[in-house]
Amino acid sequence: MSAKLSTITEWADRRTAAVYTAKSKALAKDAIQELFAPHVKASINGRKITRDEIDQLLLDMRPTEEGPLGFYWTDLVGTPRDPSHRDGSVSGVFIISGLRLPHPHSGQMVPTFRRKGVAVSYYFLLIFKLVHRIESQSQDPAIDSRRIVEFVAVANNYPLDQLATQEEHRSTYTSQYGYKL
């Protein structure tokens, strides 16, 4: 019997959020294991990275061992490769807040957010503007084995005081030109 799977988009939303909103680094590490395939092909800002580097980058964002980061998608689009949603691709942009990084001008540690675009392909065993490819890692249709197997990310950090201005600009653009979409 086949498992009734959530859509590719729902899966990506839930699994990605789990990494950033985990209440501890240990729980975040578990969420990372459920998001990425061991053999994932990845790049961030044009540089190829290994699975170990993905884990380290995601865990190093957290300023402390305990406590979640802030996270929300500003855009998320997914498309399955098959009606079962076992495989497919997702692309989107999300915001991560709760980071503390040096200010680009003063060098002082300040609250920071990261705007990250991702494109992903998912192959599902149990399963990141980027593209993610997702694929199932098991042939057993009774198991939700979706994982990200390929992704490209573009990410940049900004002082937190710029978030409201960036989101206001996005909102203004949408209200001015959204009717043409």
Protein backbone atom coordinates (compact mmCIF):
# COMPACT_ATOMS: atom_id res chain seq x y z
CA MET A 1 0.00 0.00 0.00
CA SER A 2 1.29 3.49 -0.89
CA ALA A 3 1.71 6.16 1.74
CA LYS A 4 -0.41 9.27 1.14
CA LEU A 5 2.31 11.89 0.80
CA SER A 6 2.02 15.60 1.35
CA THR A 7 2.75 17.75 -1.69
CA ILE A 8 6.34 18.55 -2.59
CA THR A 9 5.74 22.15 -1.51
CA GLU A 10 4.22 21.18 1.85
CA TRP A 11 7.07 18.77 2.46
CA ALA A 12 9.74 21.38 1.65
CA ASP A 13 8.02 23.99 3.81
CA ARG A 14 7.72 21.70 6.83
CA ARG A 15 11.16 20.05 6.56
CA THR A 16 13.07 23.30 5.91
CA ALA A 17 11.31 25.12 8.76
CA ALA A 18 12.17 22.22 11.10
CA VAL A 19 15.91 22.86 10.59
CA TYR A 20 15.75 26.53 11.59
CA THR A 21 13.00 26.42 14.22
CA ALA A 22 14.47 23.45 16.09
CA LYS A 23 14.85 24.32 19.77
CA SER A 24 18.43 23.06 19.97
CA LYS A 25 21.44 22.26 17.79
CA ALA A 26 20.86 18.54 18.45
CA LEU A 27 17.28 18.74 17.14
CA ALA A 28 18.45 20.86 14.19
CA LYS A 29 21.00 18.17 13.32
CA ASP A 30 18.21 15.57 13.29
CA ALA A 31 16.10 17.84 11.03
CA ILE A 32 19.06 18.26 8.65
CA GLN A 33 19.32 14.45 8.39
CA GLU A 34 15.64 14.31 7.40
CA LEU A 35 16.04 17.07 4.79
CA PHE A 36 19.19 16.16 2.85
CA ALA A 37 20.25 12.92 1.20
CA PRO A 38 23.74 11.74 2.18
CA HIS A 39 24.87 12.07 -1.45
CA VAL A 40 23.38 15.56 -2.03
CA LYS A 41 24.99 17.72 -4.75
CA ALA A 42 25.04 21.31 -3.53
CA SER A 43 26.39 24.78 -4.09
CA ILE A 44 26.00 28.03 -2.23
CA ASN A 45 26.85 31.39 -3.74
CA GLY A 46 28.51 29.60 -6.67
CA ARG A 47 30.77 27.36 -4.55
CA LYS A 48 30.28 23.61 -4.43
CA ILE A 49 29.90 22.29 -0.91
CA THR A 50 29.88 18.82 0.64
CA ARG A 51 27.20 17.31 2.83
CA ASP A 52 29.44 17.81 5.88
CA GLU A 53 29.82 21.50 4.97
CA ILE A 54 26.02 21.83 4.68
CA ASP A 55 25.60 20.43 8.18
CA GLN A 56 28.31 22.72 9.57
CA LEU A 57 26.94 25.86 7.86
CA LEU A 58 23.42 25.24 9.12
CA LEU A 59 24.50 24.44 12.67
CA ASP A 60 26.99 27.34 12.86
CA MET A 61 24.19 29.86 12.16
CA ARG A 62 22.90 29.31 15.68
CA PRO A 63 24.44 31.71 18.20
CA THR A 64 23.80 29.27 21.09
CA GLU A 65 23.22 25.56 21.67
CA GLU A 66 19.61 26.12 22.69
CA GLY A 67 16.86 28.19 21.11
CA PRO A 68 15.31 28.36 17.65
CA LEU A 69 16.05 30.79 14.83
CA GLY A 70 13.30 32.76 13.13
CA PHE A 71 12.21 31.43 9.74
CA TYR A 72 9.62 32.15 7.06
CA TRP A 73 9.23 31.65 3.32
CA THR A 74 8.57 34.80 1.29
CA ASP A 75 8.04 32.72 -1.86
CA LEU A 76 7.78 28.98 -2.44
CA VAL A 77 6.91 27.12 -5.64
CA GLY A 78 7.01 23.36 -6.09
CA THR A 79 6.20 20.93 -8.83
CA PRO A 80 6.08 17.14 -8.60
CA ARG A 81 7.61 14.91 -11.26
CA ASP A 82 4.88 12.37 -10.66
CA PRO A 83 1.33 12.37 -9.26
CA SER A 84 2.45 10.71 -6.02
CA HIS A 85 4.75 13.67 -5.13
CA ARG A 86 7.61 11.25 -4.45
CA ASP A 87 9.97 13.26 -6.67
CA GLY A 88 10.03 16.86 -7.83
CA SER A 89 11.56 20.32 -7.58
CA VAL A 90 11.08 23.34 -5.34
CA SER A 91 12.27 26.91 -5.67
CA GLY A 92 11.81 29.74 -3.24
CA VAL A 93 13.14 32.51 -1.04
CA PHE A 94 13.16 32.48 2.73
CA ILE A 95 14.30 34.64 5.63
CA ILE A 96 16.27 33.37 8.61
CA SER A 97 16.50 35.67 11.63
CA GLY A 98 18.03 35.39 15.07
CA LEU A 99 21.59 35.40 13.75
CA ARG A 100 24.32 37.55 15.32
CA LEU A 101 27.06 38.52 12.86
CA PRO A 102 29.50 41.39 12.39
CA HIS A 103 27.92 44.52 10.85
CA PRO A 104 29.35 45.03 7.33
CA HIS A 105 30.50 48.59 8.12
CA SER A 106 31.20 48.74 11.85
CA GLY A 107 32.27 45.14 12.50
CA GLN A 108 30.16 45.16 15.69
CA MET A 109 28.14 42.02 16.41
CA VAL A 110 24.52 42.87 15.57
CA PRO A 111 21.23 41.01 15.12
CA THR A 112 21.21 39.83 11.51
CA PHE A 113 18.93 38.10 9.04
CA ARG A 114 19.78 36.00 6.02
CA ARG A 115 17.76 36.13 2.81
CA LYS A 116 18.22 32.85 1.04
CA GLY A 117 17.02 31.79 -2.38
CA VAL A 118 16.98 28.12 -3.11
CA ALA A 119 16.33 25.75 -5.93
CA VAL A 120 15.99 22.09 -5.05
CA SER A 121 15.26 18.76 -6.54
CA TYR A 122 13.87 16.17 -4.20
CA TYR A 123 14.09 12.45 -4.46
CA PHE A 124 12.19 11.06 -1.57
CA LEU A 125 13.68 8.66 0.92
CA LEU A 126 12.59 10.69 3.89
CA ILE A 127 13.09 14.00 2.80
CA PHE A 128 16.30 24.00 -0.22
CA LYS A 129 15.75 32.08 -4.94
CA LEU A 130 17.21 28.31 -5.20
CA VAL A 131 16.25 25.18 -6.85
CA HIS A 132 15.98 21.97 -4.87
CA ARG A 133 15.54 18.58 -6.44
CA ILE A 134 13.84 16.05 -4.22
CA GLU A 135 13.76 12.30 -4.73
CA SER A 136 12.57 9.30 -2.79
CA GLN A 137 15.44 7.30 -1.45
CA SER A 138 13.41 4.10 -1.25
CA GLN A 139 11.41 2.19 -3.84
CA ASP A 140 8.88 1.23 -1.16
CA PRO A 141 5.79 3.42 -1.76
CA ALA A 142 4.68 2.87 1.85
CA ILE A 143 7.67 4.89 3.11
CA ASP A 144 8.04 8.66 2.82
CA SER A 145 11.73 8.65 2.01
CA ARG A 146 11.98 12.07 0.32
CA ARG A 147 15.25 13.96 0.61
CA ILE A 148 16.91 16.84 -1.16
CA VAL A 149 19.39 15.35 -3.62
CA GLU A 150 20.43 18.52 -5.41
CA PHE A 151 20.28 22.19 -4.52
CA VAL A 152 21.65 25.57 -5.45
CA ALA A 153 21.47 28.42 -2.95
CA VAL A 154 22.21 32.10 -3.06
CA ALA A 155 22.37 33.70 0.37
CA ASN A 156 23.33 37.05 1.81
CA ASN A 157 23.34 38.45 5.35
CA TYR A 158 21.90 41.85 6.27
CA PRO A 159 21.65 43.79 9.53
CA LEU A 160 18.21 43.12 11.03
CA ASP A 161 17.29 46.81 10.81
CA GLN A 162 17.14 46.40 6.99
CA LEU A 163 14.48 43.66 7.03
CA ALA A 164 11.46 45.95 7.34
CA THR A 165 12.72 48.17 4.50
CA GLN A 166 13.34 45.18 2.20
CA GLU A 167 9.94 43.68 2.91
CA GLU A 168 8.25 47.07 2.43
CA HIS A 169 9.96 47.40 -0.96
CA ARG A 170 8.73 43.92 -1.94
CA SER A 171 5.22 44.80 -0.82
CA THR A 172 5.24 48.06 -2.80
CA TYR A 173 6.40 46.27 -5.95
CA THR A 174 3.73 43.59 -5.54
CA SER A 175 0.97 46.15 -5.02
CA GLN A 176 2.11 48.19 -8.05
CA TYR A 177 2.69 45.36 -10.47
CA GLY A 178 0.99 42.31 -8.99
CA TYR A 179 -2.17 42.88 -11.00
CA LYS A 180 -0.19 42.09 -14.16
CA LEU A 181 0.74 38.65 -12.92
